[in-house]
Amino acid sequence: MKAGGWGSPAKSLSGGNLQKFIIGREISQAPKVLVIAQPTWGVDVGAAAQIHNEILDLRREG
């Protein structure tokens, strides 16, 4: 994901990068329940595979 730096606001990201940011932010908070609708909308194939794998890992971890 490309951004202007750590201090850059999320709103400065492109649609696909914003989607990856949001998914990562939510996963990093270790929620007990995570409801996800179209988590790979607007991202490339590689990022979509990574997002799906992260979601499956969360499911396996309970």
N, C-alpha and C. Protein backbone atom coordinates (compact mmCIF):
# COMPACT_ATOMS: atom_id res chain seq x y z
N MET A 1 0.85 -1.16 0.00
CA MET A 1 0.00 0.00 0.00
C MET A 1 0.90 1.23 0.00
N LYS A 2 0.59 2.17 -0.86
CA LYS A 2 1.37 3.40 -0.94
C LYS A 2 0.60 4.53 -0.27
N ALA A 3 1.34 5.30 0.50
CA ALA A 3 0.75 6.46 1.17
C ALA A 3 1.83 7.52 1.30
N GLY A 4 1.44 8.71 1.68
CA GLY A 4 2.38 9.80 1.83
C GLY A 4 3.23 9.72 3.08
N GLY A 5 2.99 8.76 3.93
CA GLY A 5 3.74 8.60 5.17
C GLY A 5 2.80 8.27 6.31
N TRP A 6 3.36 8.01 7.48
CA TRP A 6 2.57 7.60 8.64
C TRP A 6 1.57 8.66 9.07
N GLY A 7 1.87 9.90 8.84
CA GLY A 7 0.98 10.97 9.27
C GLY A 7 -0.10 11.32 8.27
N SER A 8 -0.12 10.66 7.13
CA SER A 8 -1.11 10.97 6.09
C SER A 8 -2.50 10.55 6.53
N PRO A 9 -3.49 11.38 6.26
CA PRO A 9 -4.87 11.00 6.61
C PRO A 9 -5.37 9.88 5.70
N ALA A 10 -6.20 9.02 6.24
CA ALA A 10 -6.75 7.90 5.46
C ALA A 10 -7.51 8.39 4.24
N LYS A 11 -8.12 9.55 4.34
CA LYS A 11 -8.91 10.05 3.20
C LYS A 11 -8.04 10.38 1.99
N SER A 12 -6.72 10.43 2.16
CA SER A 12 -5.83 10.70 1.04
C SER A 12 -5.53 9.45 0.21
N LEU A 13 -5.96 8.28 0.68
CA LEU A 13 -5.68 7.03 -0.01
C LEU A 13 -6.66 6.80 -1.16
N SER A 14 -6.21 6.02 -2.15
CA SER A 14 -7.10 5.63 -3.23
C SER A 14 -8.14 4.65 -2.69
N GLY A 15 -9.16 4.36 -3.47
CA GLY A 15 -10.23 3.47 -3.02
C GLY A 15 -9.74 2.10 -2.58
N GLY A 16 -8.89 1.47 -3.39
CA GLY A 16 -8.38 0.15 -3.05
C GLY A 16 -7.49 0.17 -1.82
N ASN A 17 -6.62 1.19 -1.73
CA ASN A 17 -5.75 1.30 -0.55
C ASN A 17 -6.54 1.64 0.69
N LEU A 18 -7.59 2.42 0.56
CA LEU A 18 -8.45 2.73 1.69
C LEU A 18 -9.14 1.45 2.19
N GLN A 19 -9.56 0.62 1.26
CA GLN A 19 -10.20 -0.66 1.62
C GLN A 19 -9.22 -1.52 2.41
N LYS A 20 -7.97 -1.62 1.94
CA LYS A 20 -6.96 -2.41 2.66
C LYS A 20 -6.69 -1.81 4.04
N PHE A 21 -6.63 -0.50 4.13
CA PHE A 21 -6.41 0.17 5.41
C PHE A 21 -7.52 -0.17 6.40
N ILE A 22 -8.75 -0.09 5.94
CA ILE A 22 -9.90 -0.35 6.82
C ILE A 22 -9.91 -1.80 7.30
N ILE A 23 -9.68 -2.73 6.39
CA ILE A 23 -9.65 -4.15 6.77
C ILE A 23 -8.54 -4.38 7.79
N GLY A 24 -7.35 -3.85 7.52
CA GLY A 24 -6.23 -4.02 8.45
C GLY A 24 -6.50 -3.39 9.80
N ARG A 25 -7.10 -2.20 9.80
CA ARG A 25 -7.42 -1.52 11.06
C ARG A 25 -8.38 -2.35 11.90
N GLU A 26 -9.40 -2.89 11.25
CA GLU A 26 -10.40 -3.67 12.00
C GLU A 26 -9.83 -4.98 12.51
N ILE A 27 -9.04 -5.66 11.69
CA ILE A 27 -8.44 -6.93 12.11
C ILE A 27 -7.46 -6.70 13.25
N SER A 28 -6.69 -5.61 13.19
CA SER A 28 -5.68 -5.35 14.22
C SER A 28 -6.29 -5.08 15.60
N GLN A 29 -7.56 -4.75 15.65
CA GLN A 29 -8.22 -4.50 16.93
C GLN A 29 -8.72 -5.77 17.60
N ALA A 30 -8.50 -6.92 16.96
CA ALA A 30 -8.86 -8.23 17.50
C ALA A 30 -10.30 -8.27 18.03
N PRO A 31 -11.26 -7.98 17.17
CA PRO A 31 -12.65 -7.99 17.64
C PRO A 31 -13.13 -9.42 17.91
N LYS A 32 -14.11 -9.55 18.79
CA LYS A 32 -14.71 -10.86 19.06
C LYS A 32 -15.60 -11.29 17.90
N VAL A 33 -16.25 -10.31 17.27
CA VAL A 33 -17.09 -10.56 16.10
C VAL A 33 -16.73 -9.52 15.04
N LEU A 34 -16.58 -9.99 13.81
CA LEU A 34 -16.26 -9.08 12.71
C LEU A 34 -17.22 -9.38 11.56
N VAL A 35 -18.07 -8.44 11.25
CA VAL A 35 -19.02 -8.60 10.15
C VAL A 35 -18.40 -7.92 8.93
N ILE A 36 -18.26 -8.69 7.87
CA ILE A 36 -17.57 -8.18 6.68
C ILE A 36 -18.46 -8.34 5.46
N ALA A 37 -18.62 -7.26 4.71
CA ALA A 37 -19.36 -7.30 3.44
C ALA A 37 -18.44 -6.78 2.35
N GLN A 38 -18.18 -7.58 1.37
CA GLN A 38 -17.35 -7.24 0.22
C GLN A 38 -15.98 -6.69 0.63
N PRO A 39 -15.20 -7.47 1.38
CA PRO A 39 -13.93 -6.97 1.89
C PRO A 39 -12.87 -6.73 0.82
N THR A 40 -13.07 -7.28 -0.36
CA THR A 40 -12.06 -7.13 -1.41
C THR A 40 -12.50 -6.22 -2.54
N TRP A 41 -13.56 -5.48 -2.32
CA TRP A 41 -14.05 -4.55 -3.34
C TRP A 41 -12.99 -3.49 -3.61
N GLY A 42 -12.60 -3.34 -4.86
CA GLY A 42 -11.68 -2.28 -5.26
C GLY A 42 -10.21 -2.58 -5.08
N VAL A 43 -9.86 -3.80 -4.69
CA VAL A 43 -8.44 -4.13 -4.52
C VAL A 43 -8.00 -5.09 -5.62
N ASP A 44 -6.69 -5.16 -5.85
CA ASP A 44 -6.18 -6.04 -6.90
C ASP A 44 -6.23 -7.50 -6.45
N VAL A 45 -5.94 -8.38 -7.38
CA VAL A 45 -6.07 -9.82 -7.12
C VAL A 45 -5.17 -10.27 -5.98
N GLY A 46 -3.93 -9.80 -5.93
CA GLY A 46 -3.01 -10.18 -4.87
C GLY A 46 -3.48 -9.73 -3.50
N ALA A 47 -3.95 -8.50 -3.44
CA ALA A 47 -4.46 -7.97 -2.17
C ALA A 47 -5.72 -8.72 -1.75
N ALA A 48 -6.57 -9.06 -2.72
CA ALA A 48 -7.80 -9.80 -2.41
C ALA A 48 -7.45 -11.16 -1.79
N ALA A 49 -6.45 -11.83 -2.35
CA ALA A 49 -6.04 -13.13 -1.82
C ALA A 49 -5.51 -12.97 -0.40
N GLN A 50 -4.72 -11.93 -0.15
CA GLN A 50 -4.17 -11.70 1.17
C GLN A 50 -5.29 -11.40 2.18
N ILE A 51 -6.25 -10.59 1.79
CA ILE A 51 -7.37 -10.26 2.68
C ILE A 51 -8.16 -11.52 3.00
N HIS A 52 -8.45 -12.33 1.98
CA HIS A 52 -9.18 -13.58 2.23
C HIS A 52 -8.41 -14.49 3.18
N ASN A 53 -7.10 -14.59 2.97
CA ASN A 53 -6.29 -15.44 3.85
C ASN A 53 -6.30 -14.94 5.29
N GLU A 54 -6.23 -13.62 5.48
CA GLU A 54 -6.27 -13.05 6.83
C GLU A 54 -7.61 -13.37 7.50
N ILE A 55 -8.69 -13.25 6.75
CA ILE A 55 -10.01 -13.53 7.29
C ILE A 55 -10.14 -15.02 7.66
N LEU A 56 -9.63 -15.89 6.81
CA LEU A 56 -9.65 -17.32 7.11
C LEU A 56 -8.79 -17.65 8.32
N ASP A 57 -7.65 -16.98 8.45
CA ASP A 57 -6.80 -17.19 9.64
C ASP A 57 -7.55 -16.78 10.90
N LEU A 58 -8.26 -15.67 10.85
CA LEU A 58 -9.05 -15.23 12.00
C LEU A 58 -10.10 -16.28 12.37
N ARG A 59 -10.73 -16.84 11.35
CA ARG A 59 -11.75 -17.85 11.59
C ARG A 59 -11.14 -19.09 12.25
N ARG A 60 -9.97 -19.50 11.77
CA ARG A 60 -9.29 -20.66 12.33
C ARG A 60 -8.88 -20.43 13.78
N GLU A 61 -8.52 -19.19 14.09
CA GLU A 61 -8.09 -18.84 15.45
C GLU A 61 -9.27 -18.72 16.41
N GLY A 62 -10.46 -18.69 15.85
CA GLY A 62 -11.67 -18.64 16.68
C GLY A 62 -12.09 -17.24 16.98
